[in-house]
């Protein structure tokens, strides 16, 4: 049986349309994890984060982040009054938003905050936002937890 050019064209167009419809259905089923639910207002206020990063860069020492024996530790720069530190630390997991979590900063008299979170593994971006004596600071570090 011989197929003429018009039939071949119609079959090709129908196959292309079916392929496009299948791709659209598959894309609509894909779960999209946004970095932030309210990303637009945070993007408008990004200058505040830039200012906080500049305050952090002006310090003599930097924030030190570590992980050992299942404990995450954050060491603040020396030479400041640790009792006046307040803020929060956010652990952002790029792959799975369900693994994100946030802690309040409560440094001890040596300037160290320790947390023992359960079931952590993977690569985290640790965003630390803290205040000391009326000045706001922001640090961003990468933490790999085996």
N, C-alpha and C. Protein backbone atom coordinates (compact mmCIF):
# COMPACT_ATOMS: atom_id res chain seq x y z
N UNK A 1 0.85 -1.17 0.00
CA UNK A 1 0.00 0.00 0.00
C UNK A 1 0.90 1.24 0.00
N UNK A 2 0.62 2.13 -0.89
CA UNK A 2 1.41 3.33 -1.04
C UNK A 2 0.67 4.50 -0.38
N UNK A 3 1.44 5.28 0.45
CA UNK A 3 0.84 6.43 1.14
C UNK A 3 1.30 7.68 0.41
N UNK A 4 0.35 8.54 0.09
CA UNK A 4 0.73 9.76 -0.62
C UNK A 4 1.28 10.79 0.37
N UNK A 5 1.79 11.90 -0.14
CA UNK A 5 2.47 12.89 0.68
C UNK A 5 1.53 13.60 1.64
N UNK A 6 0.28 13.76 1.31
CA UNK A 6 -0.69 14.42 2.20
C UNK A 6 -0.97 13.58 3.44
N UNK A 7 -1.08 12.27 3.26
CA UNK A 7 -1.30 11.37 4.39
C UNK A 7 -0.07 11.34 5.30
N UNK A 8 1.12 11.31 4.71
CA UNK A 8 2.36 11.33 5.50
C UNK A 8 2.45 12.62 6.33
N UNK A 9 2.08 13.72 5.72
CA UNK A 9 2.11 15.00 6.42
C UNK A 9 1.12 15.01 7.58
N UNK A 10 -0.08 14.49 7.37
CA UNK A 10 -1.10 14.44 8.43
C UNK A 10 -0.65 13.53 9.57
N UNK A 11 -0.06 12.39 9.25
CA UNK A 11 0.41 11.45 10.28
C UNK A 11 1.56 12.10 11.07
N UNK A 12 2.48 12.77 10.38
CA UNK A 12 3.59 13.43 11.07
C UNK A 12 3.09 14.53 12.00
N UNK A 13 2.14 15.34 11.53
CA UNK A 13 1.60 16.41 12.37
C UNK A 13 0.86 15.85 13.58
N UNK A 14 0.10 14.78 13.40
CA UNK A 14 -0.62 14.16 14.51
C UNK A 14 0.36 13.59 15.53
N UNK A 15 1.43 12.94 15.06
CA UNK A 15 2.43 12.38 15.98
C UNK A 15 3.12 13.50 16.75
N UNK A 16 3.44 14.60 16.09
CA UNK A 16 4.07 15.74 16.76
C UNK A 16 3.15 16.33 17.82
N UNK A 17 1.87 16.50 17.49
CA UNK A 17 0.91 17.05 18.45
C UNK A 17 0.74 16.13 19.66
N UNK A 18 0.70 14.83 19.43
CA UNK A 18 0.58 13.88 20.55
C UNK A 18 1.82 13.97 21.44
N UNK A 19 3.00 14.07 20.82
CA UNK A 19 4.24 14.18 21.60
C UNK A 19 4.23 15.46 22.45
N UNK A 20 3.80 16.58 21.88
CA UNK A 20 3.75 17.84 22.63
C UNK A 20 2.76 17.73 23.78
N UNK A 21 1.60 17.14 23.55
CA UNK A 21 0.59 16.98 24.61
C UNK A 21 1.14 16.11 25.74
N UNK A 22 1.86 15.05 25.40
CA UNK A 22 2.45 14.17 26.43
C UNK A 22 3.48 14.95 27.25
N UNK A 23 4.34 15.74 26.60
CA UNK A 23 5.33 16.54 27.32
C UNK A 23 4.67 17.56 28.23
N UNK A 24 3.61 18.20 27.78
CA UNK A 24 2.91 19.19 28.61
C UNK A 24 2.31 18.52 29.83
N UNK A 25 1.68 17.36 29.66
CA UNK A 25 1.09 16.64 30.79
C UNK A 25 2.17 16.24 31.79
N UNK A 26 3.30 15.74 31.30
CA UNK A 26 4.39 15.34 32.20
C UNK A 26 4.96 16.55 32.94
N UNK A 27 5.10 17.68 32.29
CA UNK A 27 5.63 18.88 32.95
C UNK A 27 4.66 19.42 33.99
N UNK A 28 3.37 19.31 33.74
CA UNK A 28 2.38 19.81 34.70
C UNK A 28 2.37 18.95 35.98
N UNK A 29 2.76 17.70 35.88
CA UNK A 29 2.80 16.82 37.05
C UNK A 29 4.06 17.00 37.89
N UNK A 30 5.07 17.63 37.34
CA UNK A 30 6.35 17.81 38.04
C UNK A 30 6.19 18.79 39.20
N UNK A 31 6.72 18.41 40.36
CA UNK A 31 6.66 19.26 41.55
C UNK A 31 7.78 20.30 41.48
N UNK A 32 7.42 21.56 41.66
CA UNK A 32 8.40 22.65 41.59
C UNK A 32 8.62 23.19 43.00
N UNK A 33 9.85 23.05 43.51
CA UNK A 33 10.20 23.57 44.83
C UNK A 33 10.85 24.93 44.66
N UNK A 34 10.20 25.95 45.18
CA UNK A 34 10.78 27.29 45.15
C UNK A 34 11.76 27.43 46.31
N UNK A 35 12.77 28.23 46.13
CA UNK A 35 13.72 28.49 47.21
C UNK A 35 12.99 29.17 48.37
N UNK A 36 12.16 30.13 48.06
CA UNK A 36 11.38 30.87 49.06
C UNK A 36 9.95 30.97 48.57
N UNK A 37 9.01 30.85 49.47
CA UNK A 37 7.60 31.01 49.10
C UNK A 37 7.30 32.47 48.77
N UNK A 38 7.91 33.38 49.49
CA UNK A 38 7.69 34.81 49.28
C UNK A 38 8.96 35.46 48.70
N UNK A 39 9.39 34.93 47.56
CA UNK A 39 10.66 35.38 46.99
C UNK A 39 10.61 36.81 46.46
N UNK A 40 9.47 37.30 46.03
CA UNK A 40 9.41 38.64 45.45
C UNK A 40 9.71 39.73 46.47
N UNK A 41 9.03 39.74 47.65
CA UNK A 41 9.38 40.78 48.63
C UNK A 41 10.82 40.66 49.13
N UNK A 42 11.32 39.42 49.26
CA UNK A 42 12.70 39.25 49.71
C UNK A 42 13.69 39.77 48.67
N UNK A 43 13.34 39.62 47.41
CA UNK A 43 14.20 40.15 46.35
C UNK A 43 14.24 41.66 46.35
N UNK A 44 13.13 42.29 46.69
CA UNK A 44 13.09 43.74 46.74
C UNK A 44 13.92 44.29 47.90
N UNK A 45 14.03 43.53 48.98
CA UNK A 45 14.77 43.97 50.16
C UNK A 45 16.19 43.40 50.21
N UNK A 46 16.74 43.00 49.07
CA UNK A 46 18.05 42.35 49.06
C UNK A 46 19.18 43.31 49.45
N UNK A 47 18.96 44.60 49.33
CA UNK A 47 19.99 45.57 49.73
C UNK A 47 20.31 45.43 51.21
N UNK A 48 19.31 45.06 52.02
CA UNK A 48 19.56 44.84 53.46
C UNK A 48 20.54 43.70 53.66
N UNK A 49 20.40 42.62 52.90
CA UNK A 49 21.31 41.48 53.00
C UNK A 49 22.72 41.91 52.59
N UNK A 50 22.83 42.71 51.54
CA UNK A 50 24.14 43.20 51.10
C UNK A 50 24.81 44.02 52.20
N UNK A 51 24.03 44.88 52.86
CA UNK A 51 24.58 45.68 53.96
C UNK A 51 25.03 44.79 55.12
N UNK A 52 24.24 43.78 55.45
CA UNK A 52 24.60 42.86 56.53
C UNK A 52 25.87 42.08 56.19
N UNK A 53 26.02 41.67 54.92
CA UNK A 53 27.24 40.98 54.50
C UNK A 53 28.46 41.89 54.61
N UNK A 54 28.29 43.17 54.31
CA UNK A 54 29.40 44.11 54.44
C UNK A 54 29.78 44.30 55.91
N UNK A 55 28.79 44.31 56.80
CA UNK A 55 29.10 44.39 58.24
C UNK A 55 29.89 43.16 58.68
N UNK A 56 29.50 41.98 58.17
CA UNK A 56 30.22 40.75 58.52
C UNK A 56 31.64 40.77 57.99
N UNK A 57 31.83 41.29 56.80
CA UNK A 57 33.17 41.35 56.21
C UNK A 57 34.07 42.33 56.96
N UNK A 58 33.48 43.31 57.61
CA UNK A 58 34.27 44.31 58.34
C UNK A 58 34.79 43.79 59.68
N UNK A 59 34.27 42.66 60.16
CA UNK A 59 34.74 42.09 61.43
C UNK A 59 36.15 41.55 61.27
N UNK A 60 36.89 41.50 62.38
CA UNK A 60 38.26 40.98 62.34
C UNK A 60 38.27 39.48 62.05
N UNK A 61 37.40 38.74 62.69
CA UNK A 61 37.28 37.30 62.47
C UNK A 61 35.96 37.03 61.78
N UNK A 62 35.86 35.85 61.20
CA UNK A 62 34.60 35.47 60.57
C UNK A 62 33.91 34.39 61.39
N UNK A 63 32.68 34.15 61.07
CA UNK A 63 31.89 33.11 61.70
C UNK A 63 32.46 31.76 61.25
N UNK A 64 32.65 30.82 62.18
CA UNK A 64 33.20 29.51 61.85
C UNK A 64 32.12 28.46 62.07
N UNK A 65 31.87 27.67 61.03
CA UNK A 65 30.84 26.65 61.05
C UNK A 65 31.50 25.28 60.98
N UNK A 66 31.07 24.35 61.82
CA UNK A 66 31.66 23.02 61.81
C UNK A 66 30.65 21.94 62.13
N UNK A 67 31.01 20.70 61.79
CA UNK A 67 30.17 19.55 62.08
C UNK A 67 31.06 18.40 62.54
N UNK A 68 30.79 17.89 63.74
CA UNK A 68 31.55 16.77 64.27
C UNK A 68 30.67 15.99 65.24
N UNK A 69 30.73 14.68 65.16
CA UNK A 69 30.00 13.77 66.06
C UNK A 69 28.51 14.08 66.10
N UNK A 70 27.92 14.42 64.97
CA UNK A 70 26.49 14.69 64.90
C UNK A 70 26.07 16.02 65.46
N UNK A 71 27.02 16.90 65.75
CA UNK A 71 26.71 18.21 66.33
C UNK A 71 27.20 19.31 65.39
N UNK A 72 26.30 20.23 65.07
CA UNK A 72 26.65 21.40 64.28
C UNK A 72 27.05 22.50 65.25
N UNK A 73 28.22 23.09 65.03
CA UNK A 73 28.66 24.17 65.91
C UNK A 73 28.94 25.43 65.10
N UNK A 74 28.55 26.55 65.68
CA UNK A 74 28.79 27.86 65.08
C UNK A 74 29.57 28.68 66.09
N UNK A 75 30.77 29.12 65.69
CA UNK A 75 31.62 29.92 66.58
C UNK A 75 31.63 31.36 66.08
N UNK A 76 31.30 32.27 66.99
CA UNK A 76 31.25 33.69 66.66
C UNK A 76 32.63 34.31 66.80
N UNK A 77 32.86 35.44 66.14
CA UNK A 77 34.17 36.11 66.21
C UNK A 77 34.53 36.49 67.65
N UNK A 78 35.82 36.50 67.93
CA UNK A 78 36.29 36.87 69.26
C UNK A 78 36.22 38.38 69.44
N UNK A 79 36.16 38.79 70.70
CA UNK A 79 36.20 40.21 71.01
C UNK A 79 34.85 40.90 71.05
N UNK A 80 33.77 40.14 71.05
CA UNK A 80 32.45 40.76 71.17
C UNK A 80 31.73 40.15 72.37
N UNK A 81 30.73 40.84 72.86
CA UNK A 81 29.94 40.36 74.01
C UNK A 81 28.91 39.36 73.49
N UNK A 82 29.13 38.08 73.80
CA UNK A 82 28.27 37.02 73.26
C UNK A 82 26.86 37.04 73.83
N UNK A 83 26.67 37.67 74.98
CA UNK A 83 25.33 37.73 75.57
C UNK A 83 24.41 38.67 74.80
N UNK A 84 24.97 39.53 73.97
CA UNK A 84 24.16 40.48 73.20
C UNK A 84 23.85 39.98 71.79
N UNK A 85 24.17 38.73 71.50
CA UNK A 85 23.92 38.17 70.17
C UNK A 85 22.52 37.57 70.13
N UNK A 86 21.79 37.91 69.09
CA UNK A 86 20.49 37.29 68.84
C UNK A 86 20.36 37.07 67.34
N UNK A 87 19.50 36.16 66.97
CA UNK A 87 19.30 35.92 65.54
C UNK A 87 18.85 34.50 65.27
N UNK A 88 19.01 34.09 64.01
CA UNK A 88 18.59 32.75 63.63
C UNK A 88 19.54 32.21 62.58
N UNK A 89 19.55 30.90 62.48
CA UNK A 89 20.35 30.22 61.48
C UNK A 89 19.41 29.30 60.69
N UNK A 90 19.49 29.41 59.36
CA UNK A 90 18.61 28.64 58.48
C UNK A 90 19.45 27.67 57.66
N UNK A 91 19.11 26.39 57.73
CA UNK A 91 19.78 25.36 56.95
C UNK A 91 18.93 25.08 55.72
N UNK A 92 19.46 25.42 54.55
CA UNK A 92 18.74 25.28 53.29
C UNK A 92 19.31 24.11 52.51
N UNK A 93 18.46 23.13 52.21
CA UNK A 93 18.84 21.96 51.42
C UNK A 93 18.32 22.17 50.01
N UNK A 94 19.22 22.23 49.03
CA UNK A 94 18.82 22.56 47.66
C UNK A 94 17.87 21.54 47.04
N UNK A 95 18.08 20.27 47.32
CA UNK A 95 17.34 19.23 46.64
C UNK A 95 15.95 19.03 47.22
N UNK A 96 15.85 19.01 48.53
CA UNK A 96 14.58 18.67 49.19
C UNK A 96 14.22 19.75 50.20
N UNK A 97 13.15 20.47 49.92
CA UNK A 97 12.75 21.56 50.82
C UNK A 97 12.24 21.05 52.16
N UNK A 98 11.84 19.78 52.23
CA UNK A 98 11.37 19.22 53.50
C UNK A 98 12.51 19.05 54.50
N UNK A 99 13.74 19.10 54.01
CA UNK A 99 14.90 18.94 54.90
C UNK A 99 15.43 20.28 55.41
N UNK A 100 14.79 21.39 55.04
CA UNK A 100 15.17 22.70 55.55
C UNK A 100 14.74 22.84 57.00
N UNK A 101 15.51 23.56 57.78
CA UNK A 101 15.12 23.83 59.17
C UNK A 101 15.81 25.10 59.66
N UNK A 102 15.26 25.67 60.73
CA UNK A 102 15.75 26.93 61.28
C UNK A 102 15.91 26.80 62.79
N UNK A 103 16.99 27.38 63.33
CA UNK A 103 17.24 27.41 64.77
C UNK A 103 17.43 28.85 65.22
N UNK A 104 17.13 29.10 66.48
CA UNK A 104 17.45 30.39 67.10
C UNK A 104 18.90 30.33 67.60
N UNK A 105 19.60 31.43 67.50
CA UNK A 105 20.98 31.50 67.97
C UNK A 105 21.00 31.73 69.47
N UNK A 106 21.70 30.85 70.18
CA UNK A 106 21.88 30.98 71.63
C UNK A 106 23.32 30.62 71.96
N UNK A 107 24.25 31.56 71.79
CA UNK A 107 25.65 31.23 72.07
C UNK A 107 25.93 31.12 73.56
N UNK A 108 26.89 30.25 73.90
CA UNK A 108 27.30 30.12 75.30
C UNK A 108 28.32 31.22 75.62
N UNK A 109 28.93 31.15 76.79
CA UNK A 109 29.87 32.20 77.21
C UNK A 109 31.14 32.21 76.37
N UNK A 110 31.41 31.13 75.62
CA UNK A 110 32.59 31.07 74.74
C UNK A 110 32.27 31.49 73.31
N UNK A 111 31.02 31.86 73.05
CA UNK A 111 30.62 32.29 71.71
C UNK A 111 30.35 31.16 70.75
N UNK A 112 29.93 30.01 71.27
CA UNK A 112 29.67 28.84 70.43
C UNK A 112 28.21 28.43 70.57
N UNK A 113 27.54 28.23 69.44
CA UNK A 113 26.19 27.66 69.43
C UNK A 113 26.31 26.23 68.94
N UNK A 114 25.67 25.30 69.65
CA UNK A 114 25.71 23.90 69.24
C UNK A 114 24.29 23.37 69.09
N UNK A 115 24.09 22.61 68.00
CA UNK A 115 22.79 22.00 67.72
C UNK A 115 23.02 20.55 67.35
N UNK A 116 22.10 19.71 67.78
CA UNK A 116 22.19 18.30 67.45
C UNK A 116 20.92 17.89 66.71
N UNK A 117 20.83 18.23 65.43
CA UNK A 117 19.64 17.88 64.67
C UNK A 117 19.61 16.40 64.32
N UNK A 118 18.42 15.86 64.18
CA UNK A 118 18.26 14.44 63.89
C UNK A 118 18.14 14.20 62.39
N UNK A 119 18.78 13.17 61.91
CA UNK A 119 18.62 12.72 60.53
C UNK A 119 19.14 13.66 59.46
N UNK A 120 20.17 14.40 59.75
CA UNK A 120 20.74 15.30 58.76
C UNK A 120 21.71 14.56 57.86
N UNK A 121 21.64 14.84 56.58
CA UNK A 121 22.65 14.37 55.64
C UNK A 121 22.53 15.20 54.37
N UNK A 122 23.63 15.34 53.68
CA UNK A 122 23.62 16.08 52.43
C UNK A 122 24.34 17.41 52.53
N UNK A 123 24.18 18.18 51.50
CA UNK A 123 24.84 19.48 51.39
C UNK A 123 23.83 20.57 51.76
N UNK A 124 24.20 21.40 52.71
CA UNK A 124 23.35 22.49 53.17
C UNK A 124 24.02 23.83 52.94
N UNK A 125 23.22 24.82 52.61
CA UNK A 125 23.67 26.20 52.61
C UNK A 125 23.16 26.79 53.92
N UNK A 126 24.07 27.21 54.77
CA UNK A 126 23.72 27.69 56.11
C UNK A 126 23.73 29.21 56.08
N UNK A 127 22.55 29.79 56.28
CA UNK A 127 22.38 31.24 56.27
C UNK A 127 22.19 31.71 57.70
N UNK A 128 23.15 32.45 58.22
CA UNK A 128 23.12 32.93 59.59
C UNK A 128 22.86 34.43 59.59
N UNK A 129 21.75 34.81 60.20
CA UNK A 129 21.38 36.22 60.32
C UNK A 129 21.40 36.55 61.80
N UNK A 130 22.27 37.48 62.20
CA UNK A 130 22.41 37.77 63.62
C UNK A 130 22.63 39.25 63.87
N UNK A 131 22.28 39.65 65.10
CA UNK A 131 22.42 41.04 65.54
C UNK A 131 23.32 41.08 66.77
N UNK A 132 24.12 42.14 66.85
CA UNK A 132 24.96 42.36 68.02
C UNK A 132 25.07 43.86 68.24
N UNK A 133 24.61 44.31 69.37
CA UNK A 133 24.71 45.72 69.77
C UNK A 133 24.14 46.67 68.71
N UNK A 134 23.00 46.30 68.15
CA UNK A 134 22.33 47.16 67.19
C UNK A 134 22.80 47.05 65.75
N UNK A 135 23.80 46.23 65.48
CA UNK A 135 24.31 46.03 64.12
C UNK A 135 23.90 44.65 63.64
N UNK A 136 23.39 44.58 62.41
CA UNK A 136 22.94 43.31 61.84
C UNK A 136 24.03 42.72 60.95
N UNK A 137 24.15 41.40 60.99
CA UNK A 137 25.16 40.67 60.22
C UNK A 137 24.49 39.53 59.48
N UNK A 138 25.13 39.09 58.37
CA UNK A 138 24.64 37.96 57.60
C UNK A 138 25.83 37.18 57.08
N UNK A 139 25.82 35.87 57.33
CA UNK A 139 26.87 34.99 56.83
C UNK A 139 26.21 33.83 56.10
N UNK A 140 26.88 33.37 55.05
CA UNK A 140 26.39 32.24 54.28
C UNK A 140 27.54 31.28 54.08
N UNK A 141 27.36 30.04 54.55
CA UNK A 141 28.40 29.02 54.45
C UNK A 141 27.80 27.75 53.88
N UNK A 142 28.66 26.88 53.38
CA UNK A 142 28.25 25.58 52.87
C UNK A 142 28.70 24.53 53.88
N UNK A 143 27.79 23.60 54.20
CA UNK A 143 28.09 22.54 55.16
C UNK A 143 27.72 21.20 54.54
N UNK A 144 28.71 20.29 54.45
CA UNK A 144 28.46 18.95 53.95
C UNK A 144 28.36 18.00 55.13
N UNK A 145 27.24 17.31 55.24
CA UNK A 145 27.02 16.38 56.33
C UNK A 145 26.94 14.98 55.74
N UNK A 146 27.86 14.09 56.12
CA UNK A 146 27.87 12.73 55.54
C UNK A 146 26.70 11.89 56.01
